[in-house]
């Protein structure tokens, strides 16, 4: 369900956003509803707070900085905060955004826009969003580990999930392959 970018050189943007969203949802699905109040430290956010932050900050980011058509903020969070409802809501938001991203021109991507207190090209702003989401996905992966739950693979095998042909680099010898 990944749309074709209007410019082939920007297909990686659409593909990567879809892939990163799928990875995020796979981590979210590692939690159960009873885990939503979990926080590993009093200064840490709860699982539910991180879910809400990702949904709301994604809405703000795409609407404010990329000028994508987004629902009103009041309509972003699911009526009942459950793992499944948050995953479904994220998936629905991402599907809309993929069409928007696919339709952008090179000129649009390279135009400088305000991003908080700096000016940056939209492509730079987009990649900041991907990194922001990856940060919170990693944060929640640690929460899963601390809860004794399986951590799904994102960029390769984990201690919990591997497959035939997986080739993680854990030795100097492996790092020197050409």
C-alpha atoms as a PDB file:
ATOM      1  CA  UNK A   1       0.000   0.000   0.000  1.00  0.00           C
ATOM      2  CA  UNK A   2       3.004   2.276  -0.472  1.00  0.00           C
ATOM      3  CA  UNK A   3       2.303   4.875  -3.157  1.00  0.00           C
ATOM      4  CA  UNK A   4       4.754   5.722  -5.924  1.00  0.00           C
ATOM      5  CA  UNK A   5       6.518   9.047  -5.452  1.00  0.00           C
ATOM      6  CA  UNK A   6       5.898  11.586  -8.191  1.00  0.00           C
ATOM      7  CA  UNK A   7       9.690  11.820  -8.486  1.00  0.00           C
ATOM      8  CA  UNK A   8      11.633   8.538  -8.387  1.00  0.00           C
ATOM      9  CA  UNK A   9      14.520  10.187  -6.526  1.00  0.00           C
ATOM     10  CA  UNK A  10      12.184  10.692  -3.547  1.00  0.00           C
ATOM     11  CA  UNK A  11      10.740   7.178  -3.401  1.00  0.00           C
ATOM     12  CA  UNK A  12      13.126   6.442  -0.537  1.00  0.00           C
ATOM     13  CA  UNK A  13      11.269   9.027   1.578  1.00  0.00           C
ATOM     14  CA  UNK A  14       7.933   7.274   1.096  1.00  0.00           C
ATOM     15  CA  UNK A  15       9.418   3.789   1.523  1.00  0.00           C
ATOM     16  CA  UNK A  16      11.361   4.747   4.641  1.00  0.00           C
ATOM     17  CA  UNK A  17       8.412   6.479   6.303  1.00  0.00           C
ATOM     18  CA  UNK A  18       6.233   3.399   5.716  1.00  0.00           C
ATOM     19  CA  UNK A  19       8.962   1.069   6.984  1.00  0.00           C
ATOM     20  CA  UNK A  20       9.674   3.146  10.093  1.00  0.00           C
ATOM     21  CA  UNK A  21       5.962   3.375  10.905  1.00  0.00           C
ATOM     22  CA  UNK A  22       5.646  -0.412  10.611  1.00  0.00           C
ATOM     23  CA  UNK A  23       8.614  -0.834  12.952  1.00  0.00           C
ATOM     24  CA  UNK A  24       7.079   1.590  15.448  1.00  0.00           C
ATOM     25  CA  UNK A  25       3.766  -0.265  15.427  1.00  0.00           C
ATOM     26  CA  UNK A  26       5.548  -3.617  15.853  1.00  0.00           C
ATOM     27  CA  UNK A  27       7.204  -2.284  19.024  1.00  0.00           C
ATOM     28  CA  UNK A  28       3.918  -0.839  20.297  1.00  0.00           C
ATOM     29  CA  UNK A  29       2.248  -4.237  19.752  1.00  0.00           C
ATOM     30  CA  UNK A  30       4.790  -5.750  22.171  1.00  0.00           C
ATOM     31  CA  UNK A  31       2.920  -4.103  25.045  1.00  0.00           C
ATOM     32  CA  UNK A  32      -0.362  -5.122  26.614  1.00  0.00           C
ATOM     33  CA  UNK A  33      -2.945  -2.679  27.898  1.00  0.00           C
ATOM     34  CA  UNK A  34      -1.861  -3.369  31.467  1.00  0.00           C
ATOM     35  CA  UNK A  35       1.626  -2.059  30.556  1.00  0.00           C
ATOM     36  CA  UNK A  36       0.382   1.411  29.547  1.00  0.00           C
ATOM     37  CA  UNK A  37       1.030   2.872  33.030  1.00  0.00           C
ATOM     38  CA  UNK A  38       4.559   1.429  33.216  1.00  0.00           C
ATOM     39  CA  UNK A  39       7.498   3.782  33.657  1.00  0.00           C
ATOM     40  CA  UNK A  40      10.981   2.495  34.551  1.00  0.00           C
ATOM     41  CA  UNK A  41      11.841   5.583  36.633  1.00  0.00           C
ATOM     42  CA  UNK A  42       9.830   8.399  38.234  1.00  0.00           C
ATOM     43  CA  UNK A  43      11.319  10.874  35.738  1.00  0.00           C
ATOM     44  CA  UNK A  44      10.463   8.649  32.746  1.00  0.00           C
ATOM     45  CA  UNK A  45       7.311   8.875  30.683  1.00  0.00           C
ATOM     46  CA  UNK A  46       4.794   6.058  30.859  1.00  0.00           C
ATOM     47  CA  UNK A  47       4.182   3.836  27.845  1.00  0.00           C
ATOM     48  CA  UNK A  48       0.815   5.585  27.358  1.00  0.00           C
ATOM     49  CA  UNK A  49       2.429   9.034  27.499  1.00  0.00           C
ATOM     50  CA  UNK A  50       4.930   8.037  24.804  1.00  0.00           C
ATOM     51  CA  UNK A  51       2.143   6.640  22.593  1.00  0.00           C
ATOM     52  CA  UNK A  52       0.182   9.871  23.024  1.00  0.00           C
ATOM     53  CA  UNK A  53       3.279  11.987  22.379  1.00  0.00           C
ATOM     54  CA  UNK A  54       4.047  10.157  19.139  1.00  0.00           C
ATOM     55  CA  UNK A  55       0.483  10.503  17.878  1.00  0.00           C
ATOM     56  CA  UNK A  56       0.132  14.169  18.847  1.00  0.00           C
ATOM     57  CA  UNK A  57       3.634  15.351  17.964  1.00  0.00           C
ATOM     58  CA  UNK A  58       3.397  13.591  14.602  1.00  0.00           C
ATOM     59  CA  UNK A  59       0.166  15.455  13.903  1.00  0.00           C
ATOM     60  CA  UNK A  60       1.729  18.779  14.864  1.00  0.00           C
ATOM     61  CA  UNK A  61       4.887  18.073  12.918  1.00  0.00           C
ATOM     62  CA  UNK A  62       3.169  17.158   9.651  1.00  0.00           C
ATOM     63  CA  UNK A  63       0.609  19.987   9.907  1.00  0.00           C
ATOM     64  CA  UNK A  64       2.908  22.775  11.099  1.00  0.00           C
ATOM     65  CA  UNK A  65       6.218  22.047   9.430  1.00  0.00           C
ATOM     66  CA  UNK A  66       5.262  20.147   6.277  1.00  0.00           C
ATOM     67  CA  UNK A  67       1.771  21.649   5.828  1.00  0.00           C
ATOM     68  CA  UNK A  68       0.240  18.215   5.299  1.00  0.00           C
ATOM     69  CA  UNK A  69      -3.516  17.827   5.652  1.00  0.00           C
ATOM     70  CA  UNK A  70      -3.984  16.489   9.178  1.00  0.00           C
ATOM     71  CA  UNK A  71      -7.010  15.979  11.419  1.00  0.00           C
ATOM     72  CA  UNK A  72      -7.658  18.434  14.219  1.00  0.00           C
ATOM     73  CA  UNK A  73      -5.545  17.700  17.282  1.00  0.00           C
ATOM     74  CA  UNK A  74      -8.689  16.862  19.242  1.00  0.00           C
ATOM     75  CA  UNK A  75      -9.348  13.984  16.833  1.00  0.00           C
ATOM     76  CA  UNK A  76      -5.922  12.372  16.901  1.00  0.00           C
ATOM     77  CA  UNK A  77      -6.049  10.259  20.040  1.00  0.00           C
ATOM     78  CA  UNK A  78      -8.337   7.224  20.091  1.00  0.00           C
ATOM     79  CA  UNK A  79     -11.401   7.594  22.353  1.00  0.00           C
ATOM     80  CA  UNK A  80     -10.122   4.799  24.580  1.00  0.00           C
ATOM     81  CA  UNK A  81      -6.383   4.494  24.978  1.00  0.00           C
ATOM     82  CA  UNK A  82      -5.501   0.862  24.296  1.00  0.00           C
ATOM     83  CA  UNK A  83      -2.503  -0.603  22.535  1.00  0.00           C
ATOM     84  CA  UNK A  84      -4.645  -1.785  19.638  1.00  0.00           C
ATOM     85  CA  UNK A  85      -6.463   1.547  19.298  1.00  0.00           C
ATOM     86  CA  UNK A  86      -3.168   3.478  19.268  1.00  0.00           C
ATOM     87  CA  UNK A  87      -1.698   1.131  16.652  1.00  0.00           C
ATOM     88  CA  UNK A  88      -4.784   1.456  14.454  1.00  0.00           C
ATOM     89  CA  UNK A  89      -4.761   5.231  14.796  1.00  0.00           C
ATOM     90  CA  UNK A  90      -1.055   5.468  13.907  1.00  0.00           C
ATOM     91  CA  UNK A  91      -1.592   3.249  10.867  1.00  0.00           C
ATOM     92  CA  UNK A  92      -4.488   5.433   9.654  1.00  0.00           C
ATOM     93  CA  UNK A  93      -2.483   8.647  10.082  1.00  0.00           C
ATOM     94  CA  UNK A  94       0.532   7.185   8.278  1.00  0.00           C
ATOM     95  CA  UNK A  95      -1.527   6.002   5.306  1.00  0.00           C
ATOM     96  CA  UNK A  96      -2.794   9.554   4.712  1.00  0.00           C
ATOM     97  CA  UNK A  97       0.705  10.988   5.080  1.00  0.00           C
ATOM     98  CA  UNK A  98       2.199   8.545   2.577  1.00  0.00           C
ATOM     99  CA  UNK A  99       0.013   9.899  -0.235  1.00  0.00           C
ATOM    100  CA  UNK A 100       0.955  13.450   0.715  1.00  0.00           C
ATOM    101  CA  UNK A 101       4.696  12.655   0.804  1.00  0.00           C
ATOM    102  CA  UNK A 102       4.526  10.782  -2.509  1.00  0.00           C
ATOM    103  CA  UNK A 103       2.978  13.786  -4.266  1.00  0.00           C
ATOM    104  CA  UNK A 104       5.702  16.302  -3.362  1.00  0.00           C
ATOM    105  CA  UNK A 105       8.103  17.719  -5.965  1.00  0.00           C
ATOM    106  CA  UNK A 106      11.885  18.095  -5.662  1.00  0.00           C
ATOM    107  CA  UNK A 107      11.436  21.865  -5.432  1.00  0.00           C
ATOM    108  CA  UNK A 108       9.045  21.430  -2.515  1.00  0.00           C
ATOM    109  CA  UNK A 109      11.463  19.102  -0.668  1.00  0.00           C
ATOM    110  CA  UNK A 110      14.358  21.515  -1.116  1.00  0.00           C
ATOM    111  CA  UNK A 111      12.504  24.671  -0.076  1.00  0.00           C
ATOM    112  CA  UNK A 112      13.686  26.136   3.221  1.00  0.00           C
ATOM    113  CA  UNK A 113      11.081  26.525   5.944  1.00  0.00           C
ATOM    114  CA  UNK A 114      11.003  27.486   9.598  1.00  0.00           C
ATOM    115  CA  UNK A 115      11.612  24.618  11.966  1.00  0.00           C
ATOM    116  CA  UNK A 116      11.234  25.878  15.512  1.00  0.00           C
ATOM    117  CA  UNK A 117      13.984  28.511  15.736  1.00  0.00           C
ATOM    118  CA  UNK A 118      15.975  27.589  12.591  1.00  0.00           C
ATOM    119  CA  UNK A 119      15.381  27.401   8.836  1.00  0.00           C
ATOM    120  CA  UNK A 120      15.991  24.106   7.085  1.00  0.00           C
ATOM    121  CA  UNK A 121      15.075  22.349   3.853  1.00  0.00           C
ATOM    122  CA  UNK A 122      11.890  20.299   4.119  1.00  0.00           C
ATOM    123  CA  UNK A 123      13.830  17.091   3.402  1.00  0.00           C
ATOM    124  CA  UNK A 124      16.008  17.809   6.454  1.00  0.00           C
ATOM    125  CA  UNK A 125      12.885  18.519   8.522  1.00  0.00           C
ATOM    126  CA  UNK A 126      11.335  15.234   7.378  1.00  0.00           C
ATOM    127  CA  UNK A 127      14.395  13.217   8.405  1.00  0.00           C
ATOM    128  CA  UNK A 128      14.324  14.870  11.832  1.00  0.00           C
ATOM    129  CA  UNK A 129      10.828  13.413  12.265  1.00  0.00           C
ATOM    130  CA  UNK A 130      12.031   9.946  11.326  1.00  0.00           C
ATOM    131  CA  UNK A 131      14.856  10.242  13.867  1.00  0.00           C
ATOM    132  CA  UNK A 132      12.469  11.524  16.546  1.00  0.00           C
ATOM    133  CA  UNK A 133      10.212   8.510  16.066  1.00  0.00           C
ATOM    134  CA  UNK A 134      13.200   6.140  16.042  1.00  0.00           C
ATOM    135  CA  UNK A 135      14.293   7.622  19.375  1.00  0.00           C
ATOM    136  CA  UNK A 136      10.921   6.875  20.983  1.00  0.00           C
ATOM    137  CA  UNK A 137      10.776   3.433  19.370  1.00  0.00           C
ATOM    138  CA  UNK A 138      14.166   2.651  20.917  1.00  0.00           C
ATOM    139  CA  UNK A 139      13.005   4.032  24.257  1.00  0.00           C
ATOM    140  CA  UNK A 140      10.012   1.696  24.192  1.00  0.00           C
ATOM    141  CA  UNK A 141      12.232  -1.225  23.128  1.00  0.00           C
ATOM    142  CA  UNK A 142      14.150  -0.730  26.379  1.00  0.00           C
ATOM    143  CA  UNK A 143      10.852  -0.670  28.275  1.00  0.00           C
ATOM    144  CA  UNK A 144       9.926  -4.001  26.661  1.00  0.00           C
ATOM    145  CA  UNK A 145      13.240  -5.498  27.743  1.00  0.00           C
ATOM    146  CA  UNK A 146      12.825  -4.169  31.293  1.00  0.00           C
ATOM    147  CA  UNK A 147       9.335  -5.704  31.412  1.00  0.00           C
ATOM    148  CA  UNK A 148      10.786  -9.054  30.314  1.00  0.00           C
ATOM    149  CA  UNK A 149       8.936  -8.964  26.996  1.00  0.00           C
ATOM    150  CA  UNK A 150      10.261  -9.850  23.558  1.00  0.00           C
ATOM    151  CA  UNK A 151      11.844  -7.033  21.559  1.00  0.00           C
ATOM    152  CA  UNK A 152      10.871  -7.216  17.891  1.00  0.00           C
ATOM    153  CA  UNK A 153      13.534  -6.844  15.207  1.00  0.00           C
ATOM    154  CA  UNK A 154      13.739  -3.469  13.555  1.00  0.00           C
ATOM    155  CA  UNK A 155      16.996  -3.326  11.595  1.00  0.00           C
ATOM    156  CA  UNK A 156      18.107  -6.883  12.186  1.00  0.00           C
ATOM    157  CA  UNK A 157      17.779  -9.777  14.606  1.00  0.00           C
ATOM    158  CA  UNK A 158      17.348  -9.260  18.337  1.00  0.00           C
ATOM    159  CA  UNK A 159      18.058 -11.541  21.278  1.00  0.00           C
ATOM    160  CA  UNK A 160      14.421 -12.615  20.917  1.00  0.00           C
ATOM    161  CA  UNK A 161      13.941 -12.852  17.150  1.00  0.00           C
ATOM    162  CA  UNK A 162      16.344 -14.097  14.502  1.00  0.00           C
ATOM    163  CA  UNK A 163      16.092 -16.027  11.258  1.00  0.00           C
ATOM    164  CA  UNK A 164      18.118 -18.124   8.893  1.00  0.00           C
ATOM    165  CA  UNK A 165      20.511 -15.893   6.997  1.00  0.00           C
ATOM    166  CA  UNK A 166      20.604 -13.163   9.658  1.00  0.00           C
ATOM    167  CA  UNK A 167      24.163 -11.947   9.912  1.00  0.00           C
ATOM    168  CA  UNK A 168      24.669  -9.586  12.870  1.00  0.00           C
ATOM    169  CA  UNK A 169      28.073  -8.005  13.253  1.00  0.00           C
ATOM    170  CA  UNK A 170      29.442  -8.810  16.704  1.00  0.00           C
ATOM    171  CA  UNK A 171      33.117  -9.384  15.976  1.00  0.00           C
ATOM    172  CA  UNK A 172      36.011  -7.461  14.496  1.00  0.00           C
ATOM    173  CA  UNK A 173      36.288 -10.139  11.836  1.00  0.00           C
ATOM    174  CA  UNK A 174      32.677  -9.661  10.775  1.00  0.00           C
ATOM    175  CA  UNK A 175      33.157  -5.884  10.630  1.00  0.00           C
ATOM    176  CA  UNK A 176      36.067  -6.305   8.213  1.00  0.00           C
ATOM    177  CA  UNK A 177      34.031  -8.119   5.553  1.00  0.00           C
ATOM    178  CA  UNK A 178      34.080  -6.492   2.136  1.00  0.00           C
END
